[in-house]
Amino acid sequence: MKELVLQITKALVDHPEDVRVSHIERNNQTLLEINVHPEDVGKVIGKQGRIIKAIRTVVKSCAVRDNRKISVELGNK
């Protein structure tokens, strides 16, 4: 799942070399935290948060298939 988020995010930004995705396990839930170059934060969020919501939707759809709980957060807001 981490690789999927990393690949999607790198395709969206101007500085793909600065994209980092952290994987944190907490209380039977997985948190994927995306960190990008400060200039790329707006591109990952998108207008009215549409891009980050779409990333979350894709990840949650894959997680349901695997019977897991995964959330996606943008680390550097």
PDB file of N, CA and C in Angstrom:
ATOM      1  N   MET A   1       0.823  -1.189   0.000  1.00  0.00           N
ATOM      2  CA  MET A   1       0.000   0.000   0.000  1.00  0.00           C
ATOM      3  C   MET A   1       0.873   1.260   0.000  1.00  0.00           C
ATOM      4  N   LYS A   2       1.952   1.193   0.762  1.00  0.00           N
ATOM      5  CA  LYS A   2       2.878   2.324   0.831  1.00  0.00           C
ATOM      6  C   LYS A   2       3.427   2.648  -0.557  1.00  0.00           C
ATOM      7  N   GLU A   3       3.751   1.618  -1.324  1.00  0.00           N
ATOM      8  CA  GLU A   3       4.294   1.811  -2.662  1.00  0.00           C
ATOM      9  C   GLU A   3       3.269   2.462  -3.592  1.00  0.00           C
ATOM     10  N   LEU A   4       2.009   2.088  -3.438  1.00  0.00           N
ATOM     11  CA  LEU A   4       0.939   2.678  -4.243  1.00  0.00           C
ATOM     12  C   LEU A   4       0.829   4.177  -3.977  1.00  0.00           C
ATOM     13  N   VAL A   5       0.800   4.561  -2.708  1.00  0.00           N
ATOM     14  CA  VAL A   5       0.706   5.977  -2.335  1.00  0.00           C
ATOM     15  C   VAL A   5       1.939   6.728  -2.827  1.00  0.00           C
ATOM     16  N   LEU A   6       3.091   6.125  -2.700  1.00  0.00           N
ATOM     17  CA  LEU A   6       4.335   6.751  -3.150  1.00  0.00           C
ATOM     18  C   LEU A   6       4.310   6.997  -4.653  1.00  0.00           C
ATOM     19  N   GLN A   7       3.871   6.014  -5.413  1.00  0.00           N
ATOM     20  CA  GLN A   7       3.818   6.140  -6.869  1.00  0.00           C
ATOM     21  C   GLN A   7       2.807   7.209  -7.303  1.00  0.00           C
ATOM     22  N   ILE A   8       1.633   7.220  -6.708  1.00  0.00           N
ATOM     23  CA  ILE A   8       0.612   8.218  -7.046  1.00  0.00           C
ATOM     24  C   ILE A   8       1.116   9.616  -6.727  1.00  0.00           C
ATOM     25  N   THR A   9       1.687   9.782  -5.540  1.00  0.00           N
ATOM     26  CA  THR A   9       2.142  11.098  -5.103  1.00  0.00           C
ATOM     27  C   THR A   9       3.284  11.609  -5.971  1.00  0.00           C
ATOM     28  N   LYS A  10       4.227  10.747  -6.303  1.00  0.00           N
ATOM     29  CA  LYS A  10       5.348  11.165  -7.149  1.00  0.00           C
ATOM     30  C   LYS A  10       4.874  11.638  -8.520  1.00  0.00           C
ATOM     31  N   ALA A  11       3.798  11.059  -9.023  1.00  0.00           N
ATOM     32  CA  ALA A  11       3.266  11.456 -10.330  1.00  0.00           C
ATOM     33  C   ALA A  11       2.622  12.843 -10.287  1.00  0.00           C
ATOM     34  N   LEU A  12       2.244  13.306  -9.105  1.00  0.00           N
ATOM     35  CA  LEU A  12       1.536  14.576  -8.972  1.00  0.00           C
ATOM     36  C   LEU A  12       2.443  15.784  -8.767  1.00  0.00           C
ATOM     37  N   VAL A  13       3.633  15.585  -8.236  1.00  0.00           N
ATOM     38  CA  VAL A  13       4.447  16.697  -7.747  1.00  0.00           C
ATOM     39  C   VAL A  13       5.564  17.093  -8.712  1.00  0.00           C
ATOM     40  N   ASP A  14       6.143  18.282  -8.472  1.00  0.00           N
ATOM     41  CA  ASP A  14       7.272  18.766  -9.262  1.00  0.00           C
ATOM     42  C   ASP A  14       8.611  18.275  -8.715  1.00  0.00           C
ATOM     43  N   HIS A  15       8.629  17.867  -7.451  1.00  0.00           N
ATOM     44  CA  HIS A  15       9.857  17.403  -6.801  1.00  0.00           C
ATOM     45  C   HIS A  15       9.663  15.968  -6.297  1.00  0.00           C
ATOM     46  N   PRO A  16       9.596  14.985  -7.206  1.00  0.00           N
ATOM     47  CA  PRO A  16       9.333  13.602  -6.779  1.00  0.00           C
ATOM     48  C   PRO A  16      10.425  13.020  -5.883  1.00  0.00           C
ATOM     49  N   GLU A  17      11.628  13.568  -5.974  1.00  0.00           N
ATOM     50  CA  GLU A  17      12.719  13.058  -5.139  1.00  0.00           C
ATOM     51  C   GLU A  17      12.520  13.387  -3.658  1.00  0.00           C
ATOM     52  N   ASP A  18      11.654  14.358  -3.355  1.00  0.00           N
ATOM     53  CA  ASP A  18      11.400  14.761  -1.967  1.00  0.00           C
ATOM     54  C   ASP A  18      10.180  14.080  -1.354  1.00  0.00           C
ATOM     55  N   VAL A  19       9.535  13.197  -2.085  1.00  0.00           N
ATOM     56  CA  VAL A  19       8.341  12.520  -1.566  1.00  0.00           C
ATOM     57  C   VAL A  19       8.758  11.405  -0.610  1.00  0.00           C
ATOM     58  N   ARG A  20       8.164  11.413   0.571  1.00  0.00           N
ATOM     59  CA  ARG A  20       8.405  10.374   1.576  1.00  0.00           C
ATOM     60  C   ARG A  20       7.061   9.888   2.103  1.00  0.00           C
ATOM     61  N   VAL A  21       6.920   8.587   2.257  1.00  0.00           N
ATOM     62  CA  VAL A  21       5.706   8.014   2.835  1.00  0.00           C
ATOM     63  C   VAL A  21       6.122   7.175   4.037  1.00  0.00           C
ATOM     64  N   SER A  22       5.625   7.561   5.211  1.00  0.00           N
ATOM     65  CA  SER A  22       5.930   6.835   6.447  1.00  0.00           C
ATOM     66  C   SER A  22       4.800   5.867   6.752  1.00  0.00           C
ATOM     67  N   HIS A  23       5.161   4.712   7.262  1.00  0.00           N
ATOM     68  CA  HIS A  23       4.203   3.646   7.580  1.00  0.00           C
ATOM     69  C   HIS A  23       4.202   3.465   9.092  1.00  0.00           C
ATOM     70  N   ILE A  24       3.081   3.770   9.754  1.00  0.00           N
ATOM     71  CA  ILE A  24       2.989   3.691  11.210  1.00  0.00           C
ATOM     72  C   ILE A  24       1.832   2.778  11.598  1.00  0.00           C
ATOM     73  N   GLU A  25       2.115   1.782  12.427  1.00  0.00           N
ATOM     74  CA  GLU A  25       1.078   0.866  12.932  1.00  0.00           C
ATOM     75  C   GLU A  25       0.605   1.360  14.293  1.00  0.00           C
ATOM     76  N   ARG A  26      -0.718   1.501  14.450  1.00  0.00           N
ATOM     77  CA  ARG A  26      -1.300   1.947  15.713  1.00  0.00           C
ATOM     78  C   ARG A  26      -2.604   1.224  15.974  1.00  0.00           C
ATOM     79  N   ASN A  27      -2.720   0.565  17.106  1.00  0.00           N
ATOM     80  CA  ASN A  27      -3.994  -0.018  17.549  1.00  0.00           C
ATOM     81  C   ASN A  27      -4.780  -0.687  16.426  1.00  0.00           C
ATOM     82  N   ASN A  28      -4.176  -1.648  15.761  1.00  0.00           N
ATOM     83  CA  ASN A  28      -4.872  -2.404  14.723  1.00  0.00           C
ATOM     84  C   ASN A  28      -5.229  -1.546  13.510  1.00  0.00           C
ATOM     85  N   GLN A  29      -4.530  -0.424  13.333  1.00  0.00           N
ATOM     86  CA  GLN A  29      -4.772   0.453  12.196  1.00  0.00           C
ATOM     87  C   GLN A  29      -3.426   0.918  11.643  1.00  0.00           C
ATOM     88  N   THR A  30      -3.374   1.134  10.350  1.00  0.00           N
ATOM     89  CA  THR A  30      -2.156   1.600   9.700  1.00  0.00           C
ATOM     90  C   THR A  30      -2.331   3.046   9.276  1.00  0.00           C
ATOM     91  N   LEU A  31      -1.318   3.861   9.548  1.00  0.00           N
ATOM     92  CA  LEU A  31      -1.309   5.256   9.125  1.00  0.00           C
ATOM     93  C   LEU A  31      -0.203   5.426   8.097  1.00  0.00           C
ATOM     94  N   LEU A  32      -0.559   5.965   6.941  1.00  0.00           N
ATOM     95  CA  LEU A  32       0.428   6.316   5.927  1.00  0.00           C
ATOM     96  C   LEU A  32       0.519   7.833   5.906  1.00  0.00           C
ATOM     97  N   GLU A  33       1.690   8.359   6.245  1.00  0.00           N
ATOM     98  CA  GLU A  33       1.881   9.807   6.297  1.00  0.00           C
ATOM     99  C   GLU A  33       2.727  10.236   5.107  1.00  0.00           C
ATOM    100  N   ILE A  34       2.188  11.152   4.305  1.00  0.00           N
ATOM    101  CA  ILE A  34       2.867  11.640   3.112  1.00  0.00           C
ATOM    102  C   ILE A  34       3.576  12.945   3.451  1.00  0.00           C
ATOM    103  N   ASN A  35       4.858  13.025   3.118  1.00  0.00           N
ATOM    104  CA  ASN A  35       5.623  14.259   3.264  1.00  0.00           C
ATOM    105  C   ASN A  35       6.187  14.622   1.897  1.00  0.00           C
ATOM    106  N   VAL A  36       5.973  15.876   1.484  1.00  0.00           N
ATOM    107  CA  VAL A  36       6.428  16.342   0.176  1.00  0.00           C
ATOM    108  C   VAL A  36       7.169  17.664   0.332  1.00  0.00           C
ATOM    109  N   HIS A  37       7.790  18.098  -0.747  1.00  0.00           N
ATOM    110  CA  HIS A  37       8.458  19.401  -0.783  1.00  0.00           C
ATOM    111  C   HIS A  37       7.410  20.480  -0.487  1.00  0.00           C
ATOM    112  N   PRO A  38       7.774  21.532   0.252  1.00  0.00           N
ATOM    113  CA  PRO A  38       6.792  22.580   0.597  1.00  0.00           C
ATOM    114  C   PRO A  38       6.062  23.191  -0.600  1.00  0.00           C
ATOM    115  N   GLU A  39       6.723  23.268  -1.748  1.00  0.00           N
ATOM    116  CA  GLU A  39       6.080  23.820  -2.944  1.00  0.00           C
ATOM    117  C   GLU A  39       5.022  22.889  -3.523  1.00  0.00           C
ATOM    118  N   ASP A  40       5.059  21.612  -3.159  1.00  0.00           N
ATOM    119  CA  ASP A  40       4.153  20.619  -3.732  1.00  0.00           C
ATOM    120  C   ASP A  40       2.949  20.289  -2.856  1.00  0.00           C
ATOM    121  N   VAL A  41       2.871  20.880  -1.681  1.00  0.00           N
ATOM    122  CA  VAL A  41       1.772  20.558  -0.761  1.00  0.00           C
ATOM    123  C   VAL A  41       0.421  20.840  -1.412  1.00  0.00           C
ATOM    124  N   GLY A  42       0.287  21.974  -2.067  1.00  0.00           N
ATOM    125  CA  GLY A  42      -0.973  22.331  -2.721  1.00  0.00           C
ATOM    126  C   GLY A  42      -1.367  21.362  -3.824  1.00  0.00           C
ATOM    127  N   LYS A  43      -0.396  20.822  -4.515  1.00  0.00           N
ATOM    128  CA  LYS A  43      -0.688  19.866  -5.592  1.00  0.00           C
ATOM    129  C   LYS A  43      -1.221  18.557  -5.042  1.00  0.00           C
ATOM    130  N   VAL A  44      -0.732  18.155  -3.874  1.00  0.00           N
ATOM    131  CA  VAL A  44      -1.208  16.913  -3.263  1.00  0.00           C
ATOM    132  C   VAL A  44      -2.590  17.119  -2.644  1.00  0.00           C
ATOM    133  N   ILE A  45      -2.834  18.297  -2.088  1.00  0.00           N
ATOM    134  CA  ILE A  45      -4.151  18.579  -1.504  1.00  0.00           C
ATOM    135  C   ILE A  45      -5.187  18.771  -2.608  1.00  0.00           C
ATOM    136  N   GLY A  46      -4.860  19.572  -3.624  1.00  0.00           N
ATOM    137  CA  GLY A  46      -5.784  19.832  -4.719  1.00  0.00           C
ATOM    138  C   GLY A  46      -6.846  20.847  -4.335  1.00  0.00           C
ATOM    139  N   LYS A  47      -7.626  21.263  -5.313  1.00  0.00           N
ATOM    140  CA  LYS A  47      -8.711  22.216  -5.053  1.00  0.00           C
ATOM    141  C   LYS A  47      -9.730  21.594  -4.122  1.00  0.00           C
ATOM    142  N   GLN A  48      -9.998  22.283  -3.031  1.00  0.00           N
ATOM    143  CA  GLN A  48     -10.961  21.844  -2.015  1.00  0.00           C
ATOM    144  C   GLN A  48     -10.639  20.442  -1.492  1.00  0.00           C
ATOM    145  N   GLY A  49      -9.369  20.055  -1.545  1.00  0.00           N
ATOM    146  CA  GLY A  49      -8.951  18.770  -0.997  1.00  0.00           C
ATOM    147  C   GLY A  49      -9.298  17.565  -1.848  1.00  0.00           C
ATOM    148  N   ARG A  50      -9.611  17.789  -3.103  1.00  0.00           N
ATOM    149  CA  ARG A  50     -10.070  16.683  -3.951  1.00  0.00           C
ATOM    150  C   ARG A  50      -9.000  15.626  -4.217  1.00  0.00           C
ATOM    151  N   ILE A  51      -7.757  16.038  -4.394  1.00  0.00           N
ATOM    152  CA  ILE A  51      -6.700  15.071  -4.715  1.00  0.00           C
ATOM    153  C   ILE A  51      -6.413  14.171  -3.515  1.00  0.00           C
ATOM    154  N   ILE A  52      -6.220  14.758  -2.337  1.00  0.00           N
ATOM    155  CA  ILE A  52      -5.934  13.938  -1.152  1.00  0.00           C
ATOM    156  C   ILE A  52      -7.131  13.044  -0.815  1.00  0.00           C
ATOM    157  N   LYS A  53      -8.337  13.533  -1.041  1.00  0.00           N
ATOM    158  CA  LYS A  53      -9.530  12.697  -0.814  1.00  0.00           C
ATOM    159  C   LYS A  53      -9.545  11.514  -1.781  1.00  0.00           C
ATOM    160  N   ALA A  54      -9.150  11.755  -3.029  1.00  0.00           N
ATOM    161  CA  ALA A  54      -9.112  10.673  -4.019  1.00  0.00           C
ATOM    162  C   ALA A  54      -8.059   9.627  -3.648  1.00  0.00           C
ATOM    163  N   ILE A  55      -6.904  10.086  -3.172  1.00  0.00           N
ATOM    164  CA  ILE A  55      -5.865   9.148  -2.732  1.00  0.00           C
ATOM    165  C   ILE A  55      -6.391   8.311  -1.576  1.00  0.00           C
ATOM    166  N   ARG A  56      -7.050   8.957  -0.625  1.00  0.00           N
ATOM    167  CA  ARG A  56      -7.614   8.230   0.525  1.00  0.00           C
ATOM    168  C   ARG A  56      -8.656   7.209   0.076  1.00  0.00           C
ATOM    169  N   THR A  57      -9.482   7.572  -0.894  1.00  0.00           N
ATOM    170  CA  THR A  57     -10.516   6.668  -1.387  1.00  0.00           C
ATOM    171  C   THR A  57      -9.901   5.425  -2.027  1.00  0.00           C
ATOM    172  N   VAL A  58      -8.882   5.615  -2.845  1.00  0.00           N
ATOM    173  CA  VAL A  58      -8.213   4.483  -3.493  1.00  0.00           C
ATOM    174  C   VAL A  58      -7.587   3.564  -2.448  1.00  0.00           C
ATOM    175  N   VAL A  59      -6.899   4.150  -1.472  1.00  0.00           N
ATOM    176  CA  VAL A  59      -6.238   3.353  -0.435  1.00  0.00           C
ATOM    177  C   VAL A  59      -7.259   2.601   0.409  1.00  0.00           C
ATOM    178  N   LYS A  60      -8.337   3.270   0.791  1.00  0.00           N
ATOM    179  CA  LYS A  60      -9.360   2.604   1.606  1.00  0.00           C
ATOM    180  C   LYS A  60     -10.040   1.483   0.830  1.00  0.00           C
ATOM    181  N   SER A  61     -10.235   1.672  -0.471  1.00  0.00           N
ATOM    182  CA  SER A  61     -10.830   0.613  -1.289  1.00  0.00           C
ATOM    183  C   SER A  61      -9.933  -0.616  -1.330  1.00  0.00           C
ATOM    184  N   CYS A  62      -8.650  -0.405  -1.475  1.00  0.00           N
ATOM    185  CA  CYS A  62      -7.702  -1.529  -1.459  1.00  0.00           C
ATOM    186  C   CYS A  62      -7.631  -2.165  -0.077  1.00  0.00           C
ATOM    187  N   ALA A  63      -7.715  -1.363   0.965  1.00  0.00           N
ATOM    188  CA  ALA A  63      -7.633  -1.874   2.338  1.00  0.00           C
ATOM    189  C   ALA A  63      -8.836  -2.736   2.681  1.00  0.00           C
ATOM    190  N   VAL A  64     -10.011  -2.352   2.223  1.00  0.00           N
ATOM    191  CA  VAL A  64     -11.225  -3.133   2.482  1.00  0.00           C
ATOM    192  C   VAL A  64     -11.092  -4.513   1.852  1.00  0.00           C
ATOM    193  N   ARG A  65     -10.532  -4.551   0.676  1.00  0.00           N
ATOM    194  CA  ARG A  65     -10.312  -5.827  -0.008  1.00  0.00           C
ATOM    195  C   ARG A  65      -9.433  -6.755   0.829  1.00  0.00           C
ATOM    196  N   ASP A  66      -8.443  -6.170   1.514  1.00  0.00           N
ATOM    197  CA  ASP A  66      -7.521  -6.941   2.355  1.00  0.00           C
ATOM    198  C   ASP A  66      -7.980  -7.022   3.807  1.00  0.00           C
ATOM    199  N   ASN A  67      -9.177  -6.496   4.101  1.00  0.00           N
ATOM    200  CA  ASN A  67      -9.752  -6.496   5.445  1.00  0.00           C
ATOM    201  C   ASN A  67      -8.839  -5.794   6.459  1.00  0.00           C
ATOM    202  N   ARG A  68      -8.361  -4.597   6.069  1.00  0.00           N
ATOM    203  CA  ARG A  68      -7.488  -3.799   6.935  1.00  0.00           C
ATOM    204  C   ARG A  68      -8.027  -2.382   7.043  1.00  0.00           C
ATOM    205  N   LYS A  69      -7.573  -1.651   8.064  1.00  0.00           N
ATOM    206  CA  LYS A  69      -7.927  -0.242   8.227  1.00  0.00           C
ATOM    207  C   LYS A  69      -6.677   0.590   7.976  1.00  0.00           C
ATOM    208  N   ILE A  70      -6.751   1.451   6.978  1.00  0.00           N
ATOM    209  CA  ILE A  70      -5.612   2.293   6.626  1.00  0.00           C
ATOM    210  C   ILE A  70      -6.101   3.723   6.454  1.00  0.00           C
ATOM    211  N   SER A  71      -5.375   4.667   7.043  1.00  0.00           N
ATOM    212  CA  SER A  71      -5.687   6.075   6.841  1.00  0.00           C
ATOM    213  C   SER A  71      -4.468   6.764   6.238  1.00  0.00           C
ATOM    214  N   VAL A  72      -4.725   7.826   5.487  1.00  0.00           N
ATOM    215  CA  VAL A  72      -3.669   8.575   4.815  1.00  0.00           C
ATOM    216  C   VAL A  72      -3.725  10.015   5.302  1.00  0.00           C
ATOM    217  N   GLU A  73      -2.577  10.531   5.728  1.00  0.00           N
ATOM    218  CA  GLU A  73      -2.479  11.909   6.204  1.00  0.00           C
ATOM    219  C   GLU A  73      -1.341  12.605   5.468  1.00  0.00           C
ATOM    220  N   LEU A  74      -1.494  13.915   5.307  1.00  0.00           N
ATOM    221  CA  LEU A  74      -0.434  14.731   4.734  1.00  0.00           C
ATOM    222  C   LEU A  74       0.349  15.321   5.898  1.00  0.00           C
ATOM    223  N   GLY A  75       1.613  14.950   6.017  1.00  0.00           N
ATOM    224  CA  GLY A  75       2.417  15.319   7.176  1.00  0.00           C
ATOM    225  C   GLY A  75       2.788  16.779   7.258  1.00  0.00           C
ATOM    226  N   ASN A  76       3.148  17.405   6.158  1.00  0.00           N
ATOM    227  CA  ASN A  76       3.591  18.800   6.202  1.00  0.00           C
ATOM    228  C   ASN A  76       2.536  19.716   5.605  1.00  0.00           C
ATOM    229  N   LYS A  77       1.641  20.148   6.456  1.00  0.00           N
ATOM    230  CA  LYS A  77       0.559  21.023   6.000  1.00  0.00           C
ATOM    231  C   LYS A  77       0.952  22.467   6.150  1.00  0.00           C
TER     232      LYS A  77
END
